[in-house]
PDB file of N, CA and C in Angstrom:
ATOM      1  N   MET A   1       8.379   8.572   9.071  1.00  0.00           N
ATOM      2  CA  MET A   1       7.393   9.407   8.402  1.00  0.00           C
ATOM      3  C   MET A   1       6.266   9.706   9.394  1.00  0.00           C
ATOM      4  N   SER A   2       5.907  10.963   9.455  1.00  0.00           N
ATOM      5  CA  SER A   2       4.858  11.338  10.391  1.00  0.00           C
ATOM      6  C   SER A   2       3.490  10.889   9.860  1.00  0.00           C
ATOM      7  N   ASP A   3       2.538  10.927  10.752  1.00  0.00           N
ATOM      8  CA  ASP A   3       1.183  10.513  10.368  1.00  0.00           C
ATOM      9  C   ASP A   3       0.604  11.428   9.302  1.00  0.00           C
ATOM     10  N   ILE A   4       0.871  12.722   9.415  1.00  0.00           N
ATOM     11  CA  ILE A   4       0.337  13.677   8.448  1.00  0.00           C
ATOM     12  C   ILE A   4       0.931  13.419   7.066  1.00  0.00           C
ATOM     13  N   ALA A   5       2.207  13.141   7.009  1.00  0.00           N
ATOM     14  CA  ALA A   5       2.855  12.868   5.728  1.00  0.00           C
ATOM     15  C   ALA A   5       2.320  11.579   5.114  1.00  0.00           C
ATOM     16  N   ALA A   6       2.071  10.574   5.936  1.00  0.00           N
ATOM     17  CA  ALA A   6       1.537   9.308   5.426  1.00  0.00           C
ATOM     18  C   ALA A   6       0.129   9.507   4.867  1.00  0.00           C
ATOM     19  N   VAL A   7      -0.697  10.264   5.565  1.00  0.00           N
ATOM     20  CA  VAL A   7      -2.059  10.526   5.092  1.00  0.00           C
ATOM     21  C   VAL A   7      -2.024  11.343   3.811  1.00  0.00           C
ATOM     22  N   ALA A   8      -1.178  12.358   3.749  1.00  0.00           N
ATOM     23  CA  ALA A   8      -1.070  13.187   2.548  1.00  0.00           C
ATOM     24  C   ALA A   8      -0.584  12.358   1.359  1.00  0.00           C
ATOM     25  N   THR A   9       0.384  11.477   1.607  1.00  0.00           N
ATOM     26  CA  THR A   9       0.881  10.610   0.535  1.00  0.00           C
ATOM     27  C   THR A   9      -0.225   9.675   0.052  1.00  0.00           C
ATOM     28  N   GLY A  10      -0.980   9.118   0.964  1.00  0.00           N
ATOM     29  CA  GLY A  10      -2.093   8.230   0.612  1.00  0.00           C
ATOM     30  C   GLY A  10      -3.146   8.932  -0.215  1.00  0.00           C
ATOM     31  N   TRP A  11      -3.533  10.136   0.215  1.00  0.00           N
ATOM     32  CA  TRP A  11      -4.526  10.904  -0.534  1.00  0.00           C
ATOM     33  C   TRP A  11      -3.994  11.299  -1.909  1.00  0.00           C
ATOM     34  N   GLY A  12      -2.726  11.672  -1.968  1.00  0.00           N
ATOM     35  CA  GLY A  12      -2.124  12.057  -3.239  1.00  0.00           C
ATOM     36  C   GLY A  12      -2.096  10.907  -4.226  1.00  0.00           C
ATOM     37  N   LEU A  13      -1.654   9.736  -3.755  1.00  0.00           N
ATOM     38  CA  LEU A  13      -1.622   8.563  -4.629  1.00  0.00           C
ATOM     39  C   LEU A  13      -3.026   8.162  -5.068  1.00  0.00           C
ATOM     40  N   THR A  14      -3.981   8.247  -4.153  1.00  0.00           N
ATOM     41  CA  THR A  14      -5.364   7.917  -4.491  1.00  0.00           C
ATOM     42  C   THR A  14      -5.893   8.864  -5.565  1.00  0.00           C
ATOM     43  N   PHE A  15      -5.603  10.153  -5.420  1.00  0.00           N
ATOM     44  CA  PHE A  15      -6.054  11.125  -6.413  1.00  0.00           C
ATOM     45  C   PHE A  15      -5.455  10.829  -7.780  1.00  0.00           C
ATOM     46  N   VAL A  16      -4.163  10.517  -7.825  1.00  0.00           N
ATOM     47  CA  VAL A  16      -3.498  10.224  -9.093  1.00  0.00           C
ATOM     48  C   VAL A  16      -4.111   8.993  -9.752  1.00  0.00           C
ATOM     49  N   VAL A  17      -4.362   7.957  -8.970  1.00  0.00           N
ATOM     50  CA  VAL A  17      -4.936   6.724  -9.514  1.00  0.00           C
ATOM     51  C   VAL A  17      -6.347   6.974 -10.047  1.00  0.00           C
ATOM     52  N   VAL A  18      -7.168   7.676  -9.289  1.00  0.00           N
ATOM     53  CA  VAL A  18      -8.550   7.943  -9.722  1.00  0.00           C
ATOM     54  C   VAL A  18      -8.568   8.841 -10.950  1.00  0.00           C
ATOM     55  N   ALA A  19      -7.744   9.867 -10.987  1.00  0.00           N
ATOM     56  CA  ALA A  19      -7.697  10.767 -12.143  1.00  0.00           C
ATOM     57  C   ALA A  19      -7.221  10.030 -13.392  1.00  0.00           C
ATOM     58  N   THR A  20      -6.215   9.176 -13.243  1.00  0.00           N
ATOM     59  CA  THR A  20      -5.718   8.405 -14.379  1.00  0.00           C
ATOM     60  C   THR A  20      -6.794   7.467 -14.900  1.00  0.00           C
ATOM     61  N   TYR A  21      -7.493   6.802 -14.004  1.00  0.00           N
ATOM     62  CA  TYR A  21      -8.569   5.894 -14.409  1.00  0.00           C
ATOM     63  C   TYR A  21      -9.698   6.661 -15.100  1.00  0.00           C
ATOM     64  N   ALA A  22     -10.045   7.833 -14.582  1.00  0.00           N
ATOM     65  CA  ALA A  22     -11.106   8.631 -15.195  1.00  0.00           C
ATOM     66  C   ALA A  22     -10.724   9.041 -16.618  1.00  0.00           C
ATOM     67  N   LEU A  23      -9.494   9.455 -16.815  1.00  0.00           N
ATOM     68  CA  LEU A  23      -9.044   9.816 -18.166  1.00  0.00           C
ATOM     69  C   LEU A  23      -9.047   8.611 -19.089  1.00  0.00           C
ATOM     70  N   TRP A  24      -8.686   7.447 -18.588  1.00  0.00           N
ATOM     71  CA  TRP A  24      -8.711   6.222 -19.391  1.00  0.00           C
ATOM     72  C   TRP A  24     -10.148   5.876 -19.792  1.00  0.00           C
ATOM     73  N   VAL A  25     -11.092   6.010 -18.846  1.00  0.00           N
ATOM     74  CA  VAL A  25     -12.494   5.696 -19.135  1.00  0.00           C
ATOM     75  C   VAL A  25     -13.040   6.639 -20.197  1.00  0.00           C
ATOM     76  N   VAL A  26     -12.739   7.925 -20.103  1.00  0.00           N
ATOM     77  CA  VAL A  26     -13.211   8.896 -21.087  1.00  0.00           C
ATOM     78  C   VAL A  26     -12.615   8.584 -22.459  1.00  0.00           C
ATOM     79  N   GLY A  27     -11.340   8.310 -22.495  1.00  0.00           N
ATOM     80  CA  GLY A  27     -10.696   7.971 -23.770  1.00  0.00           C
ATOM     81  C   GLY A  27     -11.259   6.708 -24.372  1.00  0.00           C
ATOM     82  N   ARG A  28     -11.493   5.705 -23.538  1.00  0.00           N
ATOM     83  CA  ARG A  28     -12.054   4.444 -24.032  1.00  0.00           C
ATOM     84  C   ARG A  28     -13.476   4.655 -24.543  1.00  0.00           C
ATOM     85  N   GLY A  29     -14.248   5.477 -23.853  1.00  0.00           N
ATOM     86  CA  GLY A  29     -15.610   5.767 -24.299  1.00  0.00           C
ATOM     87  C   GLY A  29     -15.620   6.463 -25.645  1.00  0.00           C
ATOM     88  N   LYS A  30     -14.706   7.399 -25.847  1.00  0.00           N
ATOM     89  CA  LYS A  30     -14.628   8.085 -27.140  1.00  0.00           C
ATOM     90  C   LYS A  30     -14.244   7.121 -28.244  1.00  0.00           C
ATOM     91  N   THR A  31     -13.316   6.203 -27.954  1.00  0.00           N
ATOM     92  CA  THR A  31     -12.887   5.226 -28.946  1.00  0.00           C
ATOM     93  C   THR A  31     -14.043   4.303 -29.325  1.00  0.00           C
ATOM     94  N   ILE A  32     -14.765   3.810 -28.337  1.00  0.00           N
ATOM     95  CA  ILE A  32     -15.896   2.926 -28.609  1.00  0.00           C
ATOM     96  C   ILE A  32     -16.975   3.678 -29.367  1.00  0.00           C
ATOM     97  N   GLY A  33     -17.248   4.923 -28.975  1.00  0.00           N
ATOM     98  CA  GLY A  33     -18.243   5.727 -29.674  1.00  0.00           C
ATOM     99  C   GLY A  33     -17.876   5.950 -31.134  1.00  0.00           C
ATOM    100  N   ARG A  34     -16.600   6.191 -31.387  1.00  0.00           N
ATOM    101  CA  ARG A  34     -16.130   6.382 -32.757  1.00  0.00           C
ATOM    102  C   ARG A  34     -16.306   5.097 -33.567  1.00  0.00           C
ATOM    103  N   GLU A  35     -16.006   3.951 -32.957  1.00  0.00           N
ATOM    104  CA  GLU A  35     -16.146   2.675 -33.646  1.00  0.00           C
ATOM    105  C   GLU A  35     -17.601   2.361 -33.967  1.00  0.00           C
ATOM    106  N   LEU A  36     -18.511   2.762 -33.089  1.00  0.00           N
ATOM    107  CA  LEU A  36     -19.933   2.493 -33.295  1.00  0.00           C
ATOM    108  C   LEU A  36     -20.629   3.595 -34.084  1.00  0.00           C
ATOM    109  N   GLY A  37     -19.942   4.686 -34.348  1.00  0.00           N
ATOM    110  CA  GLY A  37     -20.538   5.789 -35.093  1.00  0.00           C
ATOM    111  C   GLY A  37     -21.473   6.635 -34.258  1.00  0.00           C
ATOM    112  N   ILE A  38     -21.282   6.631 -32.954  1.00  0.00           N
ATOM    113  CA  ILE A  38     -22.130   7.425 -32.057  1.00  0.00           C
ATOM    114  C   ILE A  38     -21.541   8.812 -31.923  1.00  0.00           C
ATOM    115  N   GLY A  39     -22.392   9.839 -32.012  1.00  0.00           N
ATOM    116  CA  GLY A  39     -21.939  11.202 -31.810  1.00  0.00           C
ATOM    117  C   GLY A  39     -21.430  11.883 -33.061  1.00  0.00           C
ATOM    118  N   LYS A  40     -21.635  11.267 -34.214  1.00  0.00           N
ATOM    119  CA  LYS A  40     -21.207  11.917 -35.452  1.00  0.00           C
ATOM    120  C   LYS A  40     -22.170  13.039 -35.786  1.00  0.00           C
ATOM    121  N   ARG A  41     -21.632  14.124 -36.308  1.00  0.00           N
ATOM    122  CA  ARG A  41     -22.474  15.217 -36.772  1.00  0.00           C
ATOM    123  C   ARG A  41     -22.863  14.942 -38.204  1.00  0.00           C
ATOM    124  N   GLN A  42     -24.117  15.113 -38.496  1.00  0.00           N
ATOM    125  CA  GLN A  42     -24.601  14.877 -39.841  1.00  0.00           C
ATOM    126  C   GLN A  42     -24.303  16.093 -40.701  1.00  0.00           C
ATOM    127  N   GLU A  43     -23.692  15.860 -41.830  1.00  0.00           N
ATOM    128  CA  GLU A  43     -23.410  16.933 -42.776  1.00  0.00           C
ATOM    129  C   GLU A  43     -24.691  17.259 -43.534  1.00  0.00           C
ATOM    130  N   LEU A  44     -25.002  18.539 -43.626  1.00  0.00           N
ATOM    131  CA  LEU A  44     -26.170  18.952 -44.393  1.00  0.00           C
ATOM    132  C   LEU A  44     -25.793  19.031 -45.857  1.00  0.00           C
ATOM    133  N   GLY A  45     -26.700  18.589 -46.704  1.00  0.00           N
ATOM    134  CA  GLY A  45     -26.455  18.654 -48.138  1.00  0.00           C
ATOM    135  C   GLY A  45     -26.540  20.082 -48.621  1.00  0.00           C
ATOM    136  N   PRO A  46     -26.056  20.362 -49.831  1.00  0.00           N
ATOM    137  CA  PRO A  46     -26.067  21.734 -50.334  1.00  0.00           C
ATOM    138  C   PRO A  46     -27.474  22.280 -50.539  1.00  0.00           C
ATOM    139  N   GLY A  47     -28.460  21.419 -50.773  1.00  0.00           N
ATOM    140  CA  GLY A  47     -29.819  21.898 -51.004  1.00  0.00           C
ATOM    141  C   GLY A  47     -30.664  21.955 -49.760  1.00  0.00           C
ATOM    142  N   SER A  48     -30.154  21.512 -48.644  1.00  0.00           N
ATOM    143  CA  SER A  48     -30.955  21.495 -47.424  1.00  0.00           C
ATOM    144  C   SER A  48     -30.645  22.722 -46.578  1.00  0.00           C
ATOM    145  N   ASP A  49     -31.679  23.210 -45.932  1.00  0.00           N
ATOM    146  CA  ASP A  49     -31.538  24.382 -45.063  1.00  0.00           C
ATOM    147  C   ASP A  49     -32.179  24.022 -43.735  1.00  0.00           C
ATOM    148  N   SER A  50     -31.399  24.026 -42.674  1.00  0.00           N
ATOM    149  CA  SER A  50     -31.917  23.612 -41.374  1.00  0.00           C
ATOM    150  C   SER A  50     -32.812  24.683 -40.740  1.00  0.00           C
ATOM    151  N   SER A  51     -32.826  25.904 -41.285  1.00  0.00           N
ATOM    152  CA  SER A  51     -33.616  26.975 -40.684  1.00  0.00           C
ATOM    153  C   SER A  51     -35.066  26.959 -41.158  1.00  0.00           C
ATOM    154  N   THR A  52     -35.358  26.258 -42.235  1.00  0.00           N
ATOM    155  CA  THR A  52     -36.739  26.205 -42.729  1.00  0.00           C
ATOM    156  C   THR A  52     -37.370  24.880 -42.333  1.00  0.00           C
ATOM    157  N   PRO A  53     -38.602  24.906 -41.818  1.00  0.00           N
ATOM    158  CA  PRO A  53     -39.254  23.659 -41.453  1.00  0.00           C
ATOM    159  C   PRO A  53     -39.569  22.817 -42.686  1.00  0.00           C
ATOM    160  N   ALA A  54     -39.682  21.518 -42.477  1.00  0.00           N
ATOM    161  CA  ALA A  54     -39.909  20.596 -43.583  1.00  0.00           C
ATOM    162  C   ALA A  54     -41.306  20.741 -44.174  1.00  0.00           C
ATOM    163  N   SER A  55     -42.259  21.263 -43.402  1.00  0.00           N
ATOM    164  CA  SER A  55     -43.643  21.344 -43.876  1.00  0.00           C
ATOM    165  C   SER A  55     -43.905  22.588 -44.723  1.00  0.00           C
ATOM    166  N   SER A  56     -42.950  23.488 -44.879  1.00  0.00           N
ATOM    167  CA  SER A  56     -43.215  24.720 -45.620  1.00  0.00           C
ATOM    168  C   SER A  56     -43.041  24.539 -47.098  1.00  0.00           C
TER     169      SER A  56
END
């Protein structure tokens, strides 16, 4: 195997490992956030209007 092929293989494997780990971290973060209730959108009640200020 030539030096160029060895370097390309090394970079390719490194990219695959880092990308896989990054996707795992993002997925794990979403799972933990869901378990803790972080990032939920609050449902507005039928009588509430977000366009009017509370002081009016």
